[in-house]
N, C-alpha and C. Protein backbone atom coordinates (compact mmCIF):
# COMPACT_ATOMS: atom_id res chain seq x y z
N UNK A 1 22.98 23.03 -45.70
CA UNK A 1 23.06 22.34 -44.43
C UNK A 1 22.10 21.15 -44.40
N UNK A 2 20.87 21.35 -44.88
CA UNK A 2 19.90 20.27 -44.91
C UNK A 2 20.36 19.13 -45.80
N UNK A 3 20.96 19.49 -46.93
CA UNK A 3 21.44 18.49 -47.87
C UNK A 3 22.55 17.64 -47.23
N UNK A 4 23.46 18.29 -46.50
CA UNK A 4 24.55 17.57 -45.84
C UNK A 4 23.99 16.61 -44.77
N UNK A 5 23.01 17.08 -44.02
CA UNK A 5 22.40 16.26 -42.99
C UNK A 5 21.71 15.05 -43.61
N UNK A 6 21.00 15.28 -44.70
CA UNK A 6 20.32 14.19 -45.40
C UNK A 6 21.33 13.15 -45.88
N UNK A 7 22.43 13.61 -46.47
CA UNK A 7 23.48 12.69 -46.95
C UNK A 7 24.08 11.89 -45.79
N UNK A 8 24.31 12.56 -44.69
CA UNK A 8 24.88 11.89 -43.53
C UNK A 8 23.92 10.81 -43.01
N UNK A 9 22.65 11.13 -42.93
CA UNK A 9 21.67 10.16 -42.47
C UNK A 9 21.58 8.96 -43.41
N UNK A 10 21.62 9.20 -44.69
CA UNK A 10 21.57 8.11 -45.66
C UNK A 10 22.82 7.24 -45.54
N UNK A 11 23.96 7.87 -45.33
CA UNK A 11 25.21 7.12 -45.18
C UNK A 11 25.21 6.25 -43.92
N UNK A 12 24.57 6.73 -42.85
CA UNK A 12 24.56 6.00 -41.59
C UNK A 12 23.43 4.97 -41.49
N UNK A 13 22.50 5.02 -42.40
CA UNK A 13 21.34 4.13 -42.35
C UNK A 13 21.72 2.65 -42.24
N UNK A 14 22.68 2.14 -43.01
CA UNK A 14 23.02 0.72 -42.88
C UNK A 14 23.48 0.33 -41.47
N UNK A 15 24.14 1.23 -40.77
CA UNK A 15 24.55 0.95 -39.40
C UNK A 15 23.34 0.73 -38.49
N UNK A 16 22.34 1.59 -38.65
CA UNK A 16 21.17 1.51 -37.79
C UNK A 16 20.29 0.32 -38.14
N UNK A 17 20.25 -0.09 -39.38
CA UNK A 17 19.44 -1.24 -39.77
C UNK A 17 19.93 -2.48 -39.04
N UNK A 18 21.23 -2.64 -38.87
CA UNK A 18 21.78 -3.78 -38.16
C UNK A 18 21.42 -3.79 -36.69
N UNK A 19 21.14 -2.65 -36.12
CA UNK A 19 20.78 -2.57 -34.71
C UNK A 19 19.29 -2.66 -34.47
N UNK A 20 18.50 -2.76 -35.53
CA UNK A 20 17.05 -2.64 -35.39
C UNK A 20 16.42 -3.73 -34.55
N UNK A 21 17.03 -4.91 -34.44
CA UNK A 21 16.42 -5.95 -33.63
C UNK A 21 16.62 -5.70 -32.14
N UNK A 22 17.63 -4.91 -31.80
CA UNK A 22 17.86 -4.64 -30.38
C UNK A 22 17.17 -3.35 -29.96
N UNK A 23 17.40 -2.29 -30.68
CA UNK A 23 16.76 -1.02 -30.35
C UNK A 23 15.68 -0.78 -31.40
N UNK A 24 14.44 -0.93 -30.99
CA UNK A 24 13.36 -0.79 -31.94
C UNK A 24 12.98 0.64 -32.22
N UNK A 25 13.00 1.45 -31.18
CA UNK A 25 12.51 2.81 -31.37
C UNK A 25 13.03 3.71 -30.27
N UNK A 26 13.10 4.94 -30.58
CA UNK A 26 13.36 5.95 -29.55
C UNK A 26 12.11 6.81 -29.49
N UNK A 27 11.55 6.92 -28.33
CA UNK A 27 10.38 7.76 -28.13
C UNK A 27 10.79 9.22 -28.24
N UNK A 28 9.83 10.11 -28.07
CA UNK A 28 10.15 11.53 -28.03
C UNK A 28 11.12 11.80 -26.89
N UNK A 29 10.99 11.01 -25.81
CA UNK A 29 11.93 11.10 -24.70
C UNK A 29 13.15 10.26 -25.04
N UNK A 30 14.36 10.84 -25.03
CA UNK A 30 15.54 10.10 -25.43
C UNK A 30 15.89 8.99 -24.45
N UNK A 31 15.27 8.93 -23.29
CA UNK A 31 15.58 7.91 -22.30
C UNK A 31 14.87 6.59 -22.59
N UNK A 32 13.86 6.59 -23.45
CA UNK A 32 13.10 5.38 -23.72
C UNK A 32 13.72 4.60 -24.87
N UNK A 33 14.04 3.35 -24.60
CA UNK A 33 14.48 2.46 -25.66
C UNK A 33 13.66 1.18 -25.56
N UNK A 34 13.50 0.52 -26.67
CA UNK A 34 12.68 -0.68 -26.72
C UNK A 34 13.49 -1.84 -27.26
N UNK A 35 13.22 -3.00 -26.73
CA UNK A 35 13.84 -4.24 -27.18
C UNK A 35 12.71 -5.20 -27.50
N UNK A 36 12.89 -5.99 -28.54
CA UNK A 36 11.84 -6.95 -28.87
C UNK A 36 12.42 -8.35 -28.91
N UNK A 37 11.55 -9.32 -28.74
CA UNK A 37 11.97 -10.71 -28.82
C UNK A 37 10.82 -11.62 -28.46
N UNK A 38 11.13 -12.91 -28.45
CA UNK A 38 10.16 -13.95 -28.15
C UNK A 38 10.36 -14.41 -26.71
N UNK A 39 9.27 -14.55 -25.98
CA UNK A 39 9.34 -15.03 -24.60
C UNK A 39 9.56 -16.54 -24.65
N UNK A 40 10.72 -16.98 -24.10
CA UNK A 40 11.06 -18.41 -24.15
C UNK A 40 11.00 -19.08 -22.78
N UNK A 41 10.87 -18.30 -21.72
CA UNK A 41 10.75 -18.89 -20.38
C UNK A 41 10.04 -17.93 -19.45
N UNK A 42 9.30 -18.52 -18.52
CA UNK A 42 8.66 -17.77 -17.45
C UNK A 42 9.36 -18.20 -16.17
N UNK A 43 10.10 -17.30 -15.56
CA UNK A 43 10.86 -17.63 -14.36
C UNK A 43 9.93 -17.65 -13.15
N UNK A 44 9.13 -16.62 -13.01
CA UNK A 44 8.13 -16.52 -11.95
C UNK A 44 7.09 -15.51 -12.42
N UNK A 45 6.25 -15.04 -11.52
CA UNK A 45 5.16 -14.16 -11.92
C UNK A 45 5.56 -12.82 -12.48
N UNK A 46 6.79 -12.38 -12.20
CA UNK A 46 7.21 -11.07 -12.70
C UNK A 46 8.60 -11.08 -13.36
N UNK A 47 9.02 -12.25 -13.84
CA UNK A 47 10.30 -12.35 -14.53
C UNK A 47 10.18 -13.32 -15.71
N UNK A 48 10.65 -12.86 -16.87
CA UNK A 48 10.63 -13.69 -18.08
C UNK A 48 12.01 -13.72 -18.72
N UNK A 49 12.21 -14.68 -19.60
CA UNK A 49 13.42 -14.73 -20.42
C UNK A 49 12.99 -14.50 -21.86
N UNK A 50 13.71 -13.61 -22.54
CA UNK A 50 13.38 -13.21 -23.91
C UNK A 50 14.55 -13.56 -24.81
N UNK A 51 14.23 -14.01 -26.02
CA UNK A 51 15.23 -14.32 -27.05
C UNK A 51 15.04 -13.35 -28.20
N UNK A 52 16.12 -12.61 -28.56
CA UNK A 52 16.04 -11.66 -29.67
C UNK A 52 16.26 -12.39 -31.00
N UNK A 53 16.05 -11.70 -32.09
CA UNK A 53 16.31 -12.27 -33.42
C UNK A 53 17.78 -12.65 -33.59
N UNK A 54 18.66 -12.02 -32.83
CA UNK A 54 20.09 -12.30 -32.88
C UNK A 54 20.48 -13.45 -31.96
N UNK A 55 19.48 -14.18 -31.46
CA UNK A 55 19.69 -15.30 -30.53
C UNK A 55 20.38 -14.88 -29.23
N UNK A 56 20.13 -13.69 -28.80
CA UNK A 56 20.62 -13.22 -27.50
C UNK A 56 19.49 -13.36 -26.50
N UNK A 57 19.80 -14.00 -25.36
CA UNK A 57 18.81 -14.17 -24.30
C UNK A 57 19.06 -13.16 -23.19
N UNK A 58 17.99 -12.68 -22.60
CA UNK A 58 18.12 -11.83 -21.43
C UNK A 58 16.87 -11.96 -20.57
N UNK A 59 17.06 -11.75 -19.27
CA UNK A 59 15.94 -11.82 -18.34
C UNK A 59 15.36 -10.43 -18.16
N UNK A 60 14.05 -10.39 -18.05
CA UNK A 60 13.33 -9.14 -17.84
C UNK A 60 12.54 -9.25 -16.54
N UNK A 61 12.80 -8.33 -15.63
CA UNK A 61 12.01 -8.19 -14.41
C UNK A 61 10.98 -7.11 -14.70
N UNK A 62 9.69 -7.49 -14.65
CA UNK A 62 8.63 -6.54 -14.98
C UNK A 62 8.65 -5.38 -13.99
N UNK A 63 8.85 -4.19 -14.48
CA UNK A 63 8.98 -2.99 -13.65
C UNK A 63 7.62 -2.53 -13.15
N UNK A 64 7.64 -1.94 -11.95
CA UNK A 64 6.45 -1.31 -11.41
C UNK A 64 5.48 -2.25 -10.75
N UNK A 65 5.78 -3.55 -10.76
CA UNK A 65 4.89 -4.53 -10.13
C UNK A 65 5.70 -5.47 -9.24
N UNK A 66 5.01 -6.18 -8.38
CA UNK A 66 5.63 -7.23 -7.58
C UNK A 66 4.58 -8.32 -7.40
N UNK A 67 4.95 -9.53 -7.81
CA UNK A 67 4.05 -10.68 -7.71
C UNK A 67 4.38 -11.51 -6.47
N UNK A 68 3.42 -12.27 -5.99
CA UNK A 68 3.70 -13.16 -4.87
C UNK A 68 4.85 -14.10 -5.22
N UNK A 69 5.63 -14.45 -4.21
CA UNK A 69 6.72 -15.39 -4.38
C UNK A 69 6.16 -16.79 -4.66
N UNK A 70 7.00 -17.67 -5.23
CA UNK A 70 6.55 -19.02 -5.56
C UNK A 70 6.01 -19.75 -4.33
N UNK A 71 6.64 -19.56 -3.18
CA UNK A 71 6.23 -20.24 -1.95
C UNK A 71 5.06 -19.54 -1.26
N UNK A 72 4.57 -18.50 -1.85
CA UNK A 72 3.51 -17.69 -1.26
C UNK A 72 2.18 -18.00 -1.95
N UNK A 73 1.08 -17.79 -1.24
CA UNK A 73 -0.24 -17.95 -1.85
C UNK A 73 -0.32 -17.09 -3.11
N UNK A 74 -0.82 -17.65 -4.19
CA UNK A 74 -1.02 -17.01 -5.48
C UNK A 74 0.27 -16.83 -6.28
N UNK A 75 1.41 -17.28 -5.76
CA UNK A 75 2.66 -17.21 -6.51
C UNK A 75 2.61 -18.04 -7.78
N UNK A 76 2.09 -19.27 -7.66
CA UNK A 76 1.99 -20.13 -8.85
C UNK A 76 0.94 -19.61 -9.82
N UNK A 77 -0.13 -19.03 -9.30
CA UNK A 77 -1.17 -18.47 -10.17
C UNK A 77 -0.60 -17.30 -10.98
N UNK A 78 0.22 -16.48 -10.34
CA UNK A 78 0.84 -15.35 -11.05
C UNK A 78 1.70 -15.86 -12.20
N UNK A 79 2.49 -16.88 -11.93
CA UNK A 79 3.34 -17.46 -12.98
C UNK A 79 2.50 -18.05 -14.11
N UNK A 80 1.42 -18.76 -13.75
CA UNK A 80 0.54 -19.35 -14.77
C UNK A 80 -0.13 -18.27 -15.61
N UNK A 81 -0.56 -17.20 -14.97
CA UNK A 81 -1.23 -16.11 -15.69
C UNK A 81 -0.27 -15.45 -16.68
N UNK A 82 0.98 -15.24 -16.24
CA UNK A 82 1.98 -14.65 -17.13
C UNK A 82 2.29 -15.60 -18.28
N UNK A 83 2.44 -16.89 -17.97
CA UNK A 83 2.72 -17.89 -19.01
C UNK A 83 1.60 -17.91 -20.05
N UNK A 84 0.36 -17.94 -19.56
CA UNK A 84 -0.80 -17.98 -20.46
C UNK A 84 -0.81 -16.79 -21.41
N UNK A 85 -0.38 -15.65 -20.91
CA UNK A 85 -0.47 -14.42 -21.70
C UNK A 85 0.69 -14.25 -22.68
N UNK A 86 1.93 -14.59 -22.28
CA UNK A 86 3.08 -14.20 -23.11
C UNK A 86 4.00 -15.32 -23.58
N UNK A 87 3.92 -16.52 -23.00
CA UNK A 87 4.88 -17.56 -23.39
C UNK A 87 4.77 -17.87 -24.89
N UNK A 88 5.92 -17.86 -25.55
CA UNK A 88 5.98 -18.14 -26.98
C UNK A 88 5.58 -16.97 -27.85
N UNK A 89 5.25 -15.86 -27.24
CA UNK A 89 4.80 -14.68 -27.97
C UNK A 89 5.94 -13.68 -28.18
N UNK A 90 5.81 -12.90 -29.23
CA UNK A 90 6.75 -11.79 -29.44
C UNK A 90 6.26 -10.61 -28.63
N UNK A 91 7.19 -10.02 -27.88
CA UNK A 91 6.87 -8.89 -27.03
C UNK A 91 7.84 -7.76 -27.30
N UNK A 92 7.45 -6.61 -26.83
CA UNK A 92 8.29 -5.42 -26.90
C UNK A 92 8.48 -4.94 -25.47
N UNK A 93 9.71 -4.68 -25.11
CA UNK A 93 10.02 -4.27 -23.75
C UNK A 93 10.54 -2.85 -23.74
N UNK A 94 9.88 -2.01 -22.95
CA UNK A 94 10.40 -0.66 -22.74
C UNK A 94 11.43 -0.76 -21.63
N UNK A 95 12.67 -0.56 -21.98
CA UNK A 95 13.79 -0.73 -21.05
C UNK A 95 13.80 0.38 -20.01
N UNK A 96 13.82 -0.02 -18.73
CA UNK A 96 13.87 0.93 -17.61
C UNK A 96 15.16 0.77 -16.80
N UNK A 97 16.17 0.14 -17.40
CA UNK A 97 17.45 -0.02 -16.71
C UNK A 97 17.67 -1.44 -16.25
N UNK A 98 18.52 -1.59 -15.25
CA UNK A 98 18.87 -2.91 -14.71
C UNK A 98 18.58 -2.95 -13.22
N UNK A 99 18.28 -4.15 -12.72
CA UNK A 99 18.10 -4.30 -11.28
C UNK A 99 19.40 -4.80 -10.66
N UNK A 100 19.39 -5.03 -9.37
CA UNK A 100 20.60 -5.43 -8.65
C UNK A 100 21.13 -6.79 -9.09
N UNK A 101 20.32 -7.59 -9.78
CA UNK A 101 20.74 -8.91 -10.25
C UNK A 101 21.13 -8.91 -11.72
N UNK A 102 21.16 -7.73 -12.33
CA UNK A 102 21.54 -7.62 -13.73
C UNK A 102 20.43 -7.86 -14.73
N UNK A 103 19.21 -8.04 -14.23
CA UNK A 103 18.08 -8.24 -15.14
C UNK A 103 17.64 -6.89 -15.71
N UNK A 104 17.12 -6.93 -16.92
CA UNK A 104 16.53 -5.74 -17.51
C UNK A 104 15.22 -5.44 -16.79
N UNK A 105 15.05 -4.23 -16.33
CA UNK A 105 13.77 -3.79 -15.79
C UNK A 105 12.96 -3.27 -16.97
N UNK A 106 11.73 -3.73 -17.11
CA UNK A 106 11.00 -3.28 -18.27
C UNK A 106 9.50 -3.37 -18.17
N UNK A 107 8.87 -2.60 -19.02
CA UNK A 107 7.43 -2.66 -19.22
C UNK A 107 7.24 -3.56 -20.43
N UNK A 108 6.59 -4.69 -20.23
CA UNK A 108 6.41 -5.67 -21.31
C UNK A 108 5.09 -5.37 -22.02
N UNK A 109 5.19 -5.26 -23.33
CA UNK A 109 3.99 -4.97 -24.12
C UNK A 109 3.82 -6.02 -25.21
N UNK A 110 2.57 -6.39 -25.39
CA UNK A 110 2.20 -7.29 -26.47
C UNK A 110 1.11 -6.56 -27.24
N UNK A 111 1.47 -6.07 -28.40
CA UNK A 111 0.55 -5.18 -29.10
C UNK A 111 0.38 -3.93 -28.26
N UNK A 112 -0.87 -3.55 -27.98
CA UNK A 112 -1.15 -2.38 -27.15
C UNK A 112 -1.37 -2.73 -25.68
N UNK A 113 -1.18 -4.00 -25.32
CA UNK A 113 -1.44 -4.44 -23.95
C UNK A 113 -0.18 -4.29 -23.11
N UNK A 114 -0.32 -3.57 -22.00
CA UNK A 114 0.75 -3.45 -21.01
C UNK A 114 0.59 -4.67 -20.10
N UNK A 115 1.48 -5.65 -20.25
CA UNK A 115 1.38 -6.90 -19.50
C UNK A 115 1.55 -6.67 -18.00
N UNK A 116 2.40 -5.74 -17.62
CA UNK A 116 2.59 -5.43 -16.20
C UNK A 116 1.26 -5.00 -15.59
N UNK A 117 0.59 -4.08 -16.24
CA UNK A 117 -0.71 -3.60 -15.77
C UNK A 117 -1.75 -4.72 -15.80
N UNK A 118 -1.69 -5.54 -16.84
CA UNK A 118 -2.62 -6.66 -16.97
C UNK A 118 -2.54 -7.58 -15.75
N UNK A 119 -1.32 -7.89 -15.30
CA UNK A 119 -1.16 -8.78 -14.14
C UNK A 119 -1.77 -8.16 -12.88
N UNK A 120 -1.62 -6.85 -12.74
CA UNK A 120 -2.25 -6.16 -11.60
C UNK A 120 -3.77 -6.29 -11.71
N UNK A 121 -4.30 -6.06 -12.90
CA UNK A 121 -5.76 -6.09 -13.09
C UNK A 121 -6.35 -7.48 -12.86
N UNK A 122 -5.52 -8.52 -13.03
CA UNK A 122 -5.98 -9.89 -12.81
C UNK A 122 -5.86 -10.31 -11.34
N UNK A 123 -5.31 -9.42 -10.53
CA UNK A 123 -5.19 -9.71 -9.11
C UNK A 123 -4.06 -10.65 -8.77
N UNK A 124 -3.02 -10.69 -9.61
CA UNK A 124 -1.88 -11.56 -9.32
C UNK A 124 -0.60 -10.76 -9.11
N UNK A 125 -0.73 -9.44 -9.02
CA UNK A 125 0.43 -8.58 -8.78
C UNK A 125 -0.02 -7.33 -8.04
N UNK A 126 0.90 -6.78 -7.28
CA UNK A 126 0.72 -5.50 -6.63
C UNK A 126 1.36 -4.42 -7.49
N UNK A 127 0.83 -3.24 -7.44
CA UNK A 127 1.58 -2.09 -7.96
C UNK A 127 2.68 -1.86 -6.95
N UNK A 128 3.93 -1.90 -7.38
CA UNK A 128 5.08 -1.78 -6.47
C UNK A 128 5.30 -0.30 -6.20
N UNK A 129 4.52 0.24 -5.29
CA UNK A 129 4.50 1.68 -5.04
C UNK A 129 5.82 2.23 -4.52
N UNK A 130 6.65 1.35 -3.95
CA UNK A 130 7.97 1.77 -3.49
C UNK A 130 8.75 2.42 -4.63
N UNK A 131 8.50 1.96 -5.85
CA UNK A 131 9.22 2.48 -7.01
C UNK A 131 8.35 3.35 -7.92
N UNK A 132 7.19 3.76 -7.44
CA UNK A 132 6.27 4.55 -8.26
C UNK A 132 6.89 5.88 -8.70
N UNK A 133 7.79 6.42 -7.88
CA UNK A 133 8.42 7.69 -8.27
C UNK A 133 9.34 7.51 -9.48
N UNK A 134 9.72 6.27 -9.79
CA UNK A 134 10.53 5.99 -10.98
C UNK A 134 9.68 5.84 -12.24
N UNK A 135 8.36 5.80 -12.06
CA UNK A 135 7.45 5.62 -13.19
C UNK A 135 6.94 6.96 -13.69
N UNK A 136 6.58 7.02 -14.97
CA UNK A 136 5.83 8.20 -15.42
C UNK A 136 4.53 8.28 -14.62
N UNK A 137 4.11 9.47 -14.28
CA UNK A 137 2.93 9.64 -13.42
C UNK A 137 1.70 8.96 -14.00
N UNK A 138 1.49 9.08 -15.28
CA UNK A 138 0.31 8.47 -15.92
C UNK A 138 0.32 6.96 -15.72
N UNK A 139 1.47 6.35 -15.86
CA UNK A 139 1.60 4.90 -15.68
C UNK A 139 1.36 4.51 -14.23
N UNK A 140 1.97 5.23 -13.29
CA UNK A 140 1.77 4.95 -11.86
C UNK A 140 0.29 5.07 -11.50
N UNK A 141 -0.39 6.05 -12.05
CA UNK A 141 -1.83 6.22 -11.79
C UNK A 141 -2.63 5.03 -12.34
N UNK A 142 -2.29 4.58 -13.56
CA UNK A 142 -2.98 3.43 -14.16
C UNK A 142 -2.79 2.18 -13.32
N UNK A 143 -1.55 1.95 -12.87
CA UNK A 143 -1.24 0.76 -12.08
C UNK A 143 -1.98 0.80 -10.74
N UNK A 144 -1.99 1.96 -10.10
CA UNK A 144 -2.70 2.10 -8.82
C UNK A 144 -4.19 1.86 -9.01
N UNK A 145 -4.74 2.41 -10.07
CA UNK A 145 -6.17 2.24 -10.36
C UNK A 145 -6.50 0.77 -10.64
N UNK A 146 -5.64 0.09 -11.40
CA UNK A 146 -5.86 -1.32 -11.71
C UNK A 146 -5.85 -2.15 -10.42
N UNK A 147 -4.94 -1.83 -9.50
CA UNK A 147 -4.89 -2.55 -8.22
C UNK A 147 -6.16 -2.28 -7.40
N UNK A 148 -6.57 -1.04 -7.38
CA UNK A 148 -7.78 -0.67 -6.62
C UNK A 148 -9.01 -1.42 -7.15
N UNK A 149 -9.13 -1.50 -8.46
CA UNK A 149 -10.28 -2.19 -9.07
C UNK A 149 -10.22 -3.69 -8.76
N UNK A 150 -9.04 -4.30 -8.90
CA UNK A 150 -8.89 -5.73 -8.59
C UNK A 150 -9.23 -6.00 -7.12
N UNK A 151 -8.75 -5.13 -6.24
CA UNK A 151 -9.00 -5.27 -4.80
C UNK A 151 -10.50 -5.14 -4.51
N UNK A 152 -11.13 -4.12 -5.06
CA UNK A 152 -12.56 -3.90 -4.82
C UNK A 152 -13.42 -5.05 -5.36
N UNK A 153 -12.96 -5.67 -6.46
CA UNK A 153 -13.70 -6.79 -7.06
C UNK A 153 -13.27 -8.14 -6.50
N UNK A 154 -12.37 -8.12 -5.51
CA UNK A 154 -11.85 -9.35 -4.89
C UNK A 154 -11.36 -10.34 -5.93
N UNK A 155 -10.57 -9.83 -6.83
CA UNK A 155 -10.03 -10.64 -7.91
C UNK A 155 -8.67 -11.21 -7.51
N UNK A 156 -8.45 -12.47 -7.84
CA UNK A 156 -7.15 -13.09 -7.58
C UNK A 156 -6.81 -13.09 -6.10
N UNK A 157 -5.61 -12.61 -5.78
CA UNK A 157 -5.12 -12.62 -4.40
C UNK A 157 -5.96 -11.75 -3.48
N UNK A 158 -6.77 -10.89 -4.04
CA UNK A 158 -7.60 -10.00 -3.22
C UNK A 158 -8.81 -10.70 -2.62
N UNK A 159 -9.00 -12.01 -2.88
CA UNK A 159 -10.05 -12.75 -2.18
C UNK A 159 -9.64 -12.96 -0.73
N UNK A 160 -8.36 -12.86 -0.45
CA UNK A 160 -7.86 -12.99 0.92
C UNK A 160 -8.20 -11.72 1.70
N UNK A 161 -8.44 -11.89 2.98
CA UNK A 161 -8.74 -10.73 3.82
C UNK A 161 -7.53 -9.80 3.94
N UNK A 162 -6.37 -10.36 4.18
CA UNK A 162 -5.16 -9.57 4.35
C UNK A 162 -4.00 -10.20 3.60
N UNK A 163 -3.97 -10.07 2.28
CA UNK A 163 -2.86 -10.69 1.54
C UNK A 163 -1.53 -10.06 1.95
N UNK A 164 -0.52 -10.90 2.04
CA UNK A 164 0.81 -10.43 2.45
C UNK A 164 1.57 -10.01 1.19
N UNK A 165 1.97 -8.76 1.13
CA UNK A 165 2.74 -8.31 -0.05
C UNK A 165 4.06 -9.06 -0.14
N UNK A 166 4.54 -9.33 -1.33
CA UNK A 166 5.77 -10.11 -1.49
C UNK A 166 6.99 -9.50 -0.82
N UNK A 167 7.09 -8.17 -0.80
CA UNK A 167 8.25 -7.55 -0.16
C UNK A 167 8.23 -7.82 1.35
N UNK A 168 7.05 -7.89 1.94
CA UNK A 168 6.94 -8.21 3.36
C UNK A 168 7.22 -9.70 3.58
N UNK A 169 6.71 -10.54 2.70
CA UNK A 169 6.95 -11.98 2.78
C UNK A 169 8.45 -12.28 2.70
N UNK A 170 9.16 -11.64 1.77
CA UNK A 170 10.61 -11.85 1.63
C UNK A 170 11.33 -11.42 2.90
N UNK A 171 10.93 -10.29 3.44
CA UNK A 171 11.55 -9.78 4.66
C UNK A 171 11.33 -10.75 5.83
N UNK A 172 10.12 -11.26 5.96
CA UNK A 172 9.81 -12.22 7.03
C UNK A 172 10.61 -13.51 6.86
N UNK A 173 10.78 -13.97 5.61
CA UNK A 173 11.55 -15.19 5.35
C UNK A 173 13.01 -15.01 5.73
N UNK A 174 13.55 -13.84 5.48
CA UNK A 174 14.95 -13.57 5.85
C UNK A 174 15.12 -13.56 7.36
N UNK A 175 14.11 -13.09 8.07
CA UNK A 175 14.18 -13.00 9.54
C UNK A 175 14.06 -14.35 10.21
N UNK A 176 13.44 -15.36 9.56
CA UNK A 176 13.29 -16.65 10.21
C UNK A 176 14.35 -17.66 9.80
N UNK A 177 15.23 -17.30 8.89
CA UNK A 177 16.32 -18.20 8.49
C UNK A 177 17.26 -18.42 9.65
N UNK A 178 17.69 -19.68 9.86
CA UNK A 178 18.66 -19.93 10.95
C UNK A 178 19.98 -19.26 10.64
N UNK A 179 20.62 -18.76 11.66
CA UNK A 179 21.89 -18.05 11.51
C UNK A 179 23.05 -19.01 11.53
């Protein structure tokens, strides 16, 4: 039985090698898949465009965080901080599904650095607690702790007395639009 399995795996190996640029690894959890590529555009503080080795482009919405909107205080700083960290760099994205706009939801990693968490620690993103139940508990705890430390140290947007979270800002903007 072992010999047959080994032969089957060897026979299928060429198929998997062709897919290696899209699916980099499967974690112990079968739900985790990774995609790698080069960051070719920064859309805003929590959205990037990635180009794979196969010249396929896709947008990634950084999961578990929410950055100020472009028209909001610190929105441009969030975008600049993300650009400074990842633009032109090869990244690995832990795929967390798709959002309502068809973007890949993901945890962006550069080496061992969790870029999503990094943005929170720099005070340019909130931990998006509305979706914390979708995160592994350890990750949600890290993100919450990073936000708490940034807030206590008055880093980035936390220099403001009462920063307006982006989800509230978006809601307020929708309410003031003329009908």
